[in-house]
Amino acid sequence: MADTRSDRAATRWSALFGGCALRRHQPLLALLGLVCVGAGIAVAVLVPESDGPAWVMAVAGCLAAGLLLLVRIGVALLRPGGGATP
């Protein structure tokens, strides 16, 4: 009897975990990006400015992480083919 694709364990694992994470998890990454931006805004509003450079770095880091995720997803969606290349 011939070996089929579903009989080979390596093929099943590669099919399960194959593809780009950006293509497979776009909604989750977009939600994470929005949470990062929201955390940056919350830190900017709720934490007093008296903490100096640490406060500024926390706000900038949260906003930058969220915006980078959202921009990366937007660029992937605007590419021809509608997604990231593997």
PDB file of N, CA and C in Angstrom:
ATOM      1  N   MET A   1       0.840  -1.174   0.000  1.00  0.00           N
ATOM      2  CA  MET A   1       0.000   0.000   0.000  1.00  0.00           C
ATOM      3  C   MET A   1       0.890   1.245   0.000  1.00  0.00           C
ATOM      4  N   ALA A   2       0.513   2.230  -0.747  1.00  0.00           N
ATOM      5  CA  ALA A   2       1.325   3.442  -0.893  1.00  0.00           C
ATOM      6  C   ALA A   2       1.178   4.344   0.330  1.00  0.00           C
ATOM      7  N   ASP A   3       2.237   5.049   0.585  1.00  0.00           N
ATOM      8  CA  ASP A   3       2.257   6.032   1.672  1.00  0.00           C
ATOM      9  C   ASP A   3       1.498   7.283   1.221  1.00  0.00           C
ATOM     10  N   THR A   4       0.582   7.754   2.025  1.00  0.00           N
ATOM     11  CA  THR A   4      -0.122   8.995   1.694  1.00  0.00           C
ATOM     12  C   THR A   4       0.406  10.123   2.554  1.00  0.00           C
ATOM     13  N   ARG A   5       0.026  11.353   2.218  1.00  0.00           N
ATOM     14  CA  ARG A   5       0.493  12.512   2.991  1.00  0.00           C
ATOM     15  C   ARG A   5       0.068  12.423   4.445  1.00  0.00           C
ATOM     16  N   SER A   6      -1.145  11.956   4.695  1.00  0.00           N
ATOM     17  CA  SER A   6      -1.653  11.922   6.063  1.00  0.00           C
ATOM     18  C   SER A   6      -1.003  10.821   6.898  1.00  0.00           C
ATOM     19  N   ASP A   7      -0.343   9.871   6.250  1.00  0.00           N
ATOM     20  CA  ASP A   7       0.334   8.801   6.987  1.00  0.00           C
ATOM     21  C   ASP A   7       1.699   9.227   7.500  1.00  0.00           C
ATOM     22  N   ARG A   8       2.276  10.251   6.948  1.00  0.00           N
ATOM     23  CA  ARG A   8       3.609  10.681   7.356  1.00  0.00           C
ATOM     24  C   ARG A   8       3.498  11.751   8.439  1.00  0.00           C
ATOM     25  N   ALA A   9       4.112  11.487   9.582  1.00  0.00           N
ATOM     26  CA  ALA A   9       4.015  12.401  10.720  1.00  0.00           C
ATOM     27  C   ALA A   9       4.667  13.747  10.426  1.00  0.00           C
ATOM     28  N   ALA A  10       5.802  13.741   9.753  1.00  0.00           N
ATOM     29  CA  ALA A  10       6.505  14.993   9.474  1.00  0.00           C
ATOM     30  C   ALA A  10       5.652  15.912   8.607  1.00  0.00           C
ATOM     31  N   THR A  11       4.928  15.340   7.674  1.00  0.00           N
ATOM     32  CA  THR A  11       4.090  16.154   6.798  1.00  0.00           C
ATOM     33  C   THR A  11       2.924  16.745   7.574  1.00  0.00           C
ATOM     34  N   ARG A  12       2.346  15.972   8.488  1.00  0.00           N
ATOM     35  CA  ARG A  12       1.244  16.497   9.285  1.00  0.00           C
ATOM     36  C   ARG A  12       1.715  17.649  10.163  1.00  0.00           C
ATOM     37  N   TRP A  13       2.886  17.501  10.799  1.00  0.00           N
ATOM     38  CA  TRP A  13       3.418  18.571  11.644  1.00  0.00           C
ATOM     39  C   TRP A  13       3.751  19.793  10.822  1.00  0.00           C
ATOM     40  N   SER A  14       4.347  19.597   9.646  1.00  0.00           N
ATOM     41  CA  SER A  14       4.702  20.757   8.828  1.00  0.00           C
ATOM     42  C   SER A  14       3.444  21.443   8.298  1.00  0.00           C
ATOM     43  N   ALA A  15       2.387  20.694   8.034  1.00  0.00           N
ATOM     44  CA  ALA A  15       1.141  21.318   7.600  1.00  0.00           C
ATOM     45  C   ALA A  15       0.485  22.075   8.750  1.00  0.00           C
ATOM     46  N   LEU A  16       0.615  21.547   9.963  1.00  0.00           N
ATOM     47  CA  LEU A  16       0.009  22.188  11.119  1.00  0.00           C
ATOM     48  C   LEU A  16       0.725  23.474  11.482  1.00  0.00           C
ATOM     49  N   PHE A  17       2.054  23.451  11.466  1.00  0.00           N
ATOM     50  CA  PHE A  17       2.836  24.601  11.882  1.00  0.00           C
ATOM     51  C   PHE A  17       3.434  25.368  10.710  1.00  0.00           C
ATOM     52  N   GLY A  18       3.099  25.003   9.491  1.00  0.00           N
ATOM     53  CA  GLY A  18       3.634  25.686   8.330  1.00  0.00           C
ATOM     54  C   GLY A  18       2.977  27.033   8.124  1.00  0.00           C
ATOM     55  N   GLY A  19       3.567  27.834   7.310  1.00  0.00           N
ATOM     56  CA  GLY A  19       3.029  29.163   7.023  1.00  0.00           C
ATOM     57  C   GLY A  19       3.597  30.202   7.949  1.00  0.00           C
ATOM     58  N   CYS A  20       3.457  31.408   7.559  1.00  0.00           N
ATOM     59  CA  CYS A  20       3.989  32.524   8.317  1.00  0.00           C
ATOM     60  C   CYS A  20       3.082  32.821   9.505  1.00  0.00           C
ATOM     61  N   ALA A  21       3.674  33.127  10.640  1.00  0.00           N
ATOM     62  CA  ALA A  21       2.886  33.460  11.835  1.00  0.00           C
ATOM     63  C   ALA A  21       2.042  34.690  11.590  1.00  0.00           C
ATOM     64  N   LEU A  22       2.552  35.616  10.799  1.00  0.00           N
ATOM     65  CA  LEU A  22       1.791  36.823  10.511  1.00  0.00           C
ATOM     66  C   LEU A  22       0.524  36.496   9.732  1.00  0.00           C
ATOM     67  N   ARG A  23       0.600  35.540   8.844  1.00  0.00           N
ATOM     68  CA  ARG A  23      -0.571  35.152   8.066  1.00  0.00           C
ATOM     69  C   ARG A  23      -1.557  34.375   8.932  1.00  0.00           C
ATOM     70  N   ARG A  24      -1.055  33.532   9.801  1.00  0.00           N
ATOM     71  CA  ARG A  24      -1.922  32.652  10.578  1.00  0.00           C
ATOM     72  C   ARG A  24      -2.563  33.351  11.771  1.00  0.00           C
ATOM     73  N   HIS A  25      -1.913  34.362  12.325  1.00  0.00           N
ATOM     74  CA  HIS A  25      -2.384  34.958  13.574  1.00  0.00           C
ATOM     75  C   HIS A  25      -2.608  36.460  13.469  1.00  0.00           C
ATOM     76  N   GLN A  26      -3.074  36.937  12.343  1.00  0.00           N
ATOM     77  CA  GLN A  26      -3.267  38.376  12.166  1.00  0.00           C
ATOM     78  C   GLN A  26      -4.239  38.977  13.173  1.00  0.00           C
ATOM     79  N   PRO A  27      -5.394  38.364  13.429  1.00  0.00           N
ATOM     80  CA  PRO A  27      -6.306  38.987  14.408  1.00  0.00           C
ATOM     81  C   PRO A  27      -5.701  39.058  15.812  1.00  0.00           C
ATOM     82  N   LEU A  28      -4.999  38.013  16.217  1.00  0.00           N
ATOM     83  CA  LEU A  28      -4.377  38.007  17.541  1.00  0.00           C
ATOM     84  C   LEU A  28      -3.277  39.062  17.641  1.00  0.00           C
ATOM     85  N   LEU A  29      -2.457  39.181  16.605  1.00  0.00           N
ATOM     86  CA  LEU A  29      -1.393  40.185  16.609  1.00  0.00           C
ATOM     87  C   LEU A  29      -1.966  41.595  16.542  1.00  0.00           C
ATOM     88  N   ALA A  30      -3.059  41.787  15.813  1.00  0.00           N
ATOM     89  CA  ALA A  30      -3.697  43.102  15.768  1.00  0.00           C
ATOM     90  C   ALA A  30      -4.258  43.474  17.138  1.00  0.00           C
ATOM     91  N   LEU A  31      -4.861  42.513  17.814  1.00  0.00           N
ATOM     92  CA  LEU A  31      -5.371  42.758  19.168  1.00  0.00           C
ATOM     93  C   LEU A  31      -4.228  43.087  20.122  1.00  0.00           C
ATOM     94  N   LEU A  32      -3.125  42.374  20.001  1.00  0.00           N
ATOM     95  CA  LEU A  32      -1.955  42.649  20.837  1.00  0.00           C
ATOM     96  C   LEU A  32      -1.395  44.048  20.555  1.00  0.00           C
ATOM     97  N   GLY A  33      -1.380  44.450  19.297  1.00  0.00           N
ATOM     98  CA  GLY A  33      -0.939  45.794  18.950  1.00  0.00           C
ATOM     99  C   GLY A  33      -1.837  46.858  19.557  1.00  0.00           C
ATOM    100  N   LEU A  34      -3.146  46.632  19.509  1.00  0.00           N
ATOM    101  CA  LEU A  34      -4.083  47.582  20.116  1.00  0.00           C
ATOM    102  C   LEU A  34      -3.930  47.636  21.628  1.00  0.00           C
ATOM    103  N   VAL A  35      -3.662  46.497  22.249  1.00  0.00           N
ATOM    104  CA  VAL A  35      -3.440  46.469  23.699  1.00  0.00           C
ATOM    105  C   VAL A  35      -2.178  47.252  24.057  1.00  0.00           C
ATOM    106  N   CYS A  36      -1.132  47.111  23.263  1.00  0.00           N
ATOM    107  CA  CYS A  36       0.108  47.861  23.519  1.00  0.00           C
ATOM    108  C   CYS A  36      -0.118  49.366  23.394  1.00  0.00           C
ATOM    109  N   VAL A  37      -0.840  49.774  22.359  1.00  0.00           N
ATOM    110  CA  VAL A  37      -1.132  51.192  22.196  1.00  0.00           C
ATOM    111  C   VAL A  37      -1.992  51.679  23.355  1.00  0.00           C
ATOM    112  N   GLY A  38      -2.985  50.881  23.744  1.00  0.00           N
ATOM    113  CA  GLY A  38      -3.831  51.236  24.882  1.00  0.00           C
ATOM    114  C   GLY A  38      -3.048  51.335  26.180  1.00  0.00           C
ATOM    115  N   ALA A  39      -2.100  50.432  26.370  1.00  0.00           N
ATOM    116  CA  ALA A  39      -1.269  50.485  27.575  1.00  0.00           C
ATOM    117  C   ALA A  39      -0.399  51.732  27.570  1.00  0.00           C
ATOM    118  N   GLY A  40       0.112  52.118  26.421  1.00  0.00           N
ATOM    119  CA  GLY A  40       0.908  53.345  26.325  1.00  0.00           C
ATOM    120  C   GLY A  40       0.087  54.575  26.662  1.00  0.00           C
ATOM    121  N   ILE A  41      -1.136  54.612  26.158  1.00  0.00           N
ATOM    122  CA  ILE A  41      -2.014  55.737  26.458  1.00  0.00           C
ATOM    123  C   ILE A  41      -2.391  55.740  27.933  1.00  0.00           C
ATOM    124  N   ALA A  42      -2.684  54.558  28.490  1.00  0.00           N
ATOM    125  CA  ALA A  42      -3.042  54.472  29.913  1.00  0.00           C
ATOM    126  C   ALA A  42      -1.885  54.908  30.802  1.00  0.00           C
ATOM    127  N   VAL A  43      -0.681  54.495  30.463  1.00  0.00           N
ATOM    128  CA  VAL A  43       0.486  54.909  31.255  1.00  0.00           C
ATOM    129  C   VAL A  43       0.674  56.415  31.157  1.00  0.00           C
ATOM    130  N   ALA A  44       0.479  56.961  29.956  1.00  0.00           N
ATOM    131  CA  ALA A  44       0.651  58.401  29.777  1.00  0.00           C
ATOM    132  C   ALA A  44      -0.373  59.196  30.587  1.00  0.00           C
ATOM    133  N   VAL A  45      -1.575  58.662  30.727  1.00  0.00           N
ATOM    134  CA  VAL A  45      -2.637  59.391  31.424  1.00  0.00           C
ATOM    135  C   VAL A  45      -2.611  59.143  32.927  1.00  0.00           C
ATOM    136  N   LEU A  46      -2.405  57.890  33.327  1.00  0.00           N
ATOM    137  CA  LEU A  46      -2.573  57.523  34.733  1.00  0.00           C
ATOM    138  C   LEU A  46      -1.337  57.723  35.598  1.00  0.00           C
ATOM    139  N   VAL A  47      -0.158  57.561  35.041  1.00  0.00           N
ATOM    140  CA  VAL A  47       1.067  57.651  35.830  1.00  0.00           C
ATOM    141  C   VAL A  47       1.524  59.111  35.856  1.00  0.00           C
ATOM    142  N   PRO A  48       1.884  59.612  37.014  1.00  0.00           N
ATOM    143  CA  PRO A  48       2.330  61.020  37.077  1.00  0.00           C
ATOM    144  C   PRO A  48       3.642  61.218  36.325  1.00  0.00           C
ATOM    145  N   GLU A  49       3.814  62.399  35.790  1.00  0.00           N
ATOM    146  CA  GLU A  49       5.003  62.723  35.005  1.00  0.00           C
ATOM    147  C   GLU A  49       6.239  62.944  35.863  1.00  0.00           C
ATOM    148  N   SER A  50       6.089  62.859  37.149  1.00  0.00           N
ATOM    149  CA  SER A  50       7.219  63.127  38.035  1.00  0.00           C
ATOM    150  C   SER A  50       8.274  62.027  38.007  1.00  0.00           C
ATOM    151  N   ASP A  51       7.983  60.910  37.359  1.00  0.00           N
ATOM    152  CA  ASP A  51       8.942  59.809  37.308  1.00  0.00           C
ATOM    153  C   ASP A  51      10.069  60.059  36.317  1.00  0.00           C
ATOM    154  N   GLY A  52      10.003  61.120  35.556  1.00  0.00           N
ATOM    155  CA  GLY A  52      11.094  61.508  34.667  1.00  0.00           C
ATOM    156  C   GLY A  52      11.236  60.633  33.445  1.00  0.00           C
ATOM    157  N   PRO A  53      12.482  60.283  33.093  1.00  0.00           N
ATOM    158  CA  PRO A  53      12.745  59.549  31.847  1.00  0.00           C
ATOM    159  C   PRO A  53      12.097  58.165  31.808  1.00  0.00           C
ATOM    160  N   ALA A  54      11.929  57.526  32.949  1.00  0.00           N
ATOM    161  CA  ALA A  54      11.311  56.197  32.951  1.00  0.00           C
ATOM    162  C   ALA A  54       9.875  56.267  32.435  1.00  0.00           C
ATOM    163  N   TRP A  55       9.180  57.326  32.816  1.00  0.00           N
ATOM    164  CA  TRP A  55       7.798  57.502  32.367  1.00  0.00           C
ATOM    165  C   TRP A  55       7.761  57.683  30.853  1.00  0.00           C
ATOM    166  N   VAL A  56       8.629  58.511  30.332  1.00  0.00           N
ATOM    167  CA  VAL A  56       8.668  58.776  28.894  1.00  0.00           C
ATOM    168  C   VAL A  56       9.040  57.516  28.127  1.00  0.00           C
ATOM    169  N   MET A  57      10.011  56.763  28.636  1.00  0.00           N
ATOM    170  CA  MET A  57      10.433  55.538  27.952  1.00  0.00           C
ATOM    171  C   MET A  57       9.333  54.489  27.969  1.00  0.00           C
ATOM    172  N   ALA A  58       8.582  54.385  29.069  1.00  0.00           N
ATOM    173  CA  ALA A  58       7.482  53.421  29.138  1.00  0.00           C
ATOM    174  C   ALA A  58       6.400  53.766  28.128  1.00  0.00           C
ATOM    175  N   VAL A  59       6.037  55.026  28.050  1.00  0.00           N
ATOM    176  CA  VAL A  59       5.014  55.455  27.093  1.00  0.00           C
ATOM    177  C   VAL A  59       5.493  55.237  25.665  1.00  0.00           C
ATOM    178  N   ALA A  60       6.708  55.672  25.370  1.00  0.00           N
ATOM    179  CA  ALA A  60       7.245  55.533  24.010  1.00  0.00           C
ATOM    180  C   ALA A  60       7.383  54.061  23.623  1.00  0.00           C
ATOM    181  N   GLY A  61       7.823  53.223  24.540  1.00  0.00           N
ATOM    182  CA  GLY A  61       7.985  51.802  24.242  1.00  0.00           C
ATOM    183  C   GLY A  61       6.665  51.118  23.951  1.00  0.00           C
ATOM    184  N   CYS A  62       5.660  51.394  24.761  1.00  0.00           N
ATOM    185  CA  CYS A  62       4.347  50.783  24.535  1.00  0.00           C
ATOM    186  C   CYS A  62       3.741  51.248  23.215  1.00  0.00           C
ATOM    187  N   LEU A  63       3.798  52.538  22.955  1.00  0.00           N
ATOM    188  CA  LEU A  63       3.242  53.058  21.707  1.00  0.00           C
ATOM    189  C   LEU A  63       4.002  52.530  20.493  1.00  0.00           C
ATOM    190  N   ALA A  64       5.324  52.477  20.583  1.00  0.00           N
ATOM    191  CA  ALA A  64       6.124  51.991  19.457  1.00  0.00           C
ATOM    192  C   ALA A  64       5.863  50.519  19.172  1.00  0.00           C
ATOM    193  N   ALA A  65       5.780  49.699  20.208  1.00  0.00           N
ATOM    194  CA  ALA A  65       5.526  48.270  20.004  1.00  0.00           C
ATOM    195  C   ALA A  65       4.172  48.045  19.350  1.00  0.00           C
ATOM    196  N   GLY A  66       3.166  48.738  19.833  1.00  0.00           N
ATOM    197  CA  GLY A  66       1.838  48.584  19.257  1.00  0.00           C
ATOM    198  C   GLY A  66       1.769  49.076  17.825  1.00  0.00           C
ATOM    199  N   LEU A  67       2.347  50.226  17.559  1.00  0.00           N
ATOM    200  CA  LEU A  67       2.319  50.766  16.199  1.00  0.00           C
ATOM    201  C   LEU A  67       3.117  49.905  15.226  1.00  0.00           C
ATOM    202  N   LEU A  68       4.242  49.360  15.670  1.00  0.00           N
ATOM    203  CA  LEU A  68       5.024  48.482  14.791  1.00  0.00           C
ATOM    204  C   LEU A  68       4.232  47.235  14.405  1.00  0.00           C
ATOM    205  N   LEU A  69       3.542  46.644  15.369  1.00  0.00           N
ATOM    206  CA  LEU A  69       2.715  45.477  15.053  1.00  0.00           C
ATOM    207  C   LEU A  69       1.608  45.832  14.071  1.00  0.00           C
ATOM    208  N   LEU A  70       0.910  46.928  14.334  1.00  0.00           N
ATOM    209  CA  LEU A  70      -0.203  47.304  13.467  1.00  0.00           C
ATOM    210  C   LEU A  70       0.268  47.694  12.065  1.00  0.00           C
ATOM    211  N   VAL A  71       1.383  48.398  11.970  1.00  0.00           N
ATOM    212  CA  VAL A  71       1.907  48.773  10.651  1.00  0.00           C
ATOM    213  C   VAL A  71       2.371  47.539   9.891  1.00  0.00           C
ATOM    214  N   ARG A  72       3.009  46.612  10.579  1.00  0.00           N
ATOM    215  CA  ARG A  72       3.472  45.385   9.908  1.00  0.00           C
ATOM    216  C   ARG A  72       2.303  44.580   9.357  1.00  0.00           C
ATOM    217  N   ILE A  73       1.224  44.499  10.099  1.00  0.00           N
ATOM    218  CA  ILE A  73       0.044  43.783   9.613  1.00  0.00           C
ATOM    219  C   ILE A  73      -0.568  44.530   8.437  1.00  0.00           C
ATOM    220  N   GLY A  74      -0.626  45.861   8.513  1.00  0.00           N
ATOM    221  CA  GLY A  74      -1.157  46.645   7.403  1.00  0.00           C
ATOM    222  C   GLY A  74      -0.340  46.484   6.135  1.00  0.00           C
ATOM    223  N   VAL A  75       0.965  46.488   6.256  1.00  0.00           N
ATOM    224  CA  VAL A  75       1.834  46.297   5.086  1.00  0.00           C
ATOM    225  C   VAL A  75       1.619  44.907   4.497  1.00  0.00           C
ATOM    226  N   ALA A  76       1.469  43.903   5.356  1.00  0.00           N
ATOM    227  CA  ALA A  76       1.256  42.545   4.858  1.00  0.00           C
ATOM    228  C   ALA A  76      -0.074  42.433   4.126  1.00  0.00           C
ATOM    229  N   LEU A  77      -1.091  43.131   4.598  1.00  0.00           N
ATOM    230  CA  LEU A  77      -2.395  43.064   3.939  1.00  0.00           C
ATOM    231  C   LEU A  77      -2.414  43.827   2.619  1.00  0.00           C
ATOM    232  N   LEU A  78      -1.578  44.847   2.489  1.00  0.00           N
ATOM    233  CA  LEU A  78      -1.544  45.631   1.265  1.00  0.00           C
ATOM    234  C   LEU A  78      -0.689  45.020   0.165  1.00  0.00           C
ATOM    235  N   ARG A  79       0.108  44.022   0.512  1.00  0.00           N
ATOM    236  CA  ARG A  79       0.928  43.356  -0.494  1.00  0.00           C
ATOM    237  C   ARG A  79       0.047  42.629  -1.494  1.00  0.00           C
ATOM    238  N   PRO A  80       0.531  42.457  -2.703  1.00  0.00           N
ATOM    239  CA  PRO A  80      -0.209  41.622  -3.653  1.00  0.00           C
ATOM    240  C   PRO A  80      -0.318  40.206  -3.105  1.00  0.00           C
ATOM    241  N   GLY A  81      -1.476  39.656  -3.138  1.00  0.00           N
ATOM    242  CA  GLY A  81      -1.702  38.318  -2.572  1.00  0.00           C
ATOM    243  C   GLY A  81      -2.397  38.377  -1.244  1.00  0.00           C
ATOM    244  N   GLY A  82      -2.463  39.532  -0.610  1.00  0.00           N
ATOM    245  CA  GLY A  82      -3.236  39.719   0.610  1.00  0.00           C
ATOM    246  C   GLY A  82      -2.639  39.125   1.866  1.00  0.00           C
ATOM    247  N   GLY A  83      -1.374  38.871   1.915  1.00  0.00           N
ATOM    248  CA  GLY A  83      -0.791  38.334   3.128  1.00  0.00           C
ATOM    249  C   GLY A  83       0.711  38.327   3.083  1.00  0.00           C
ATOM    250  N   ALA A  84       1.300  37.851   4.137  1.00  0.00           N
ATOM    251  CA  ALA A  84       2.748  37.807   4.226  1.00  0.00           C
ATOM    252  C   ALA A  84       3.278  36.630   3.439  1.00  0.00           C
ATOM    253  N   THR A  85       4.482  36.758   2.970  1.00  0.00           N
ATOM    254  CA  THR A  85       5.106  35.630   2.284  1.00  0.00           C
ATOM    255  C   THR A  85       5.767  34.741   3.339  1.00  0.00           C
ATOM    256  N   PRO A  86       5.692  33.451   3.152  1.00  0.00           N
ATOM    257  CA  PRO A  86       6.291  32.546   4.158  1.00  0.00           C
ATOM    258  C   PRO A  86       7.786  32.614   4.179  1.00  0.00           C
TER     259      PRO A  86
END
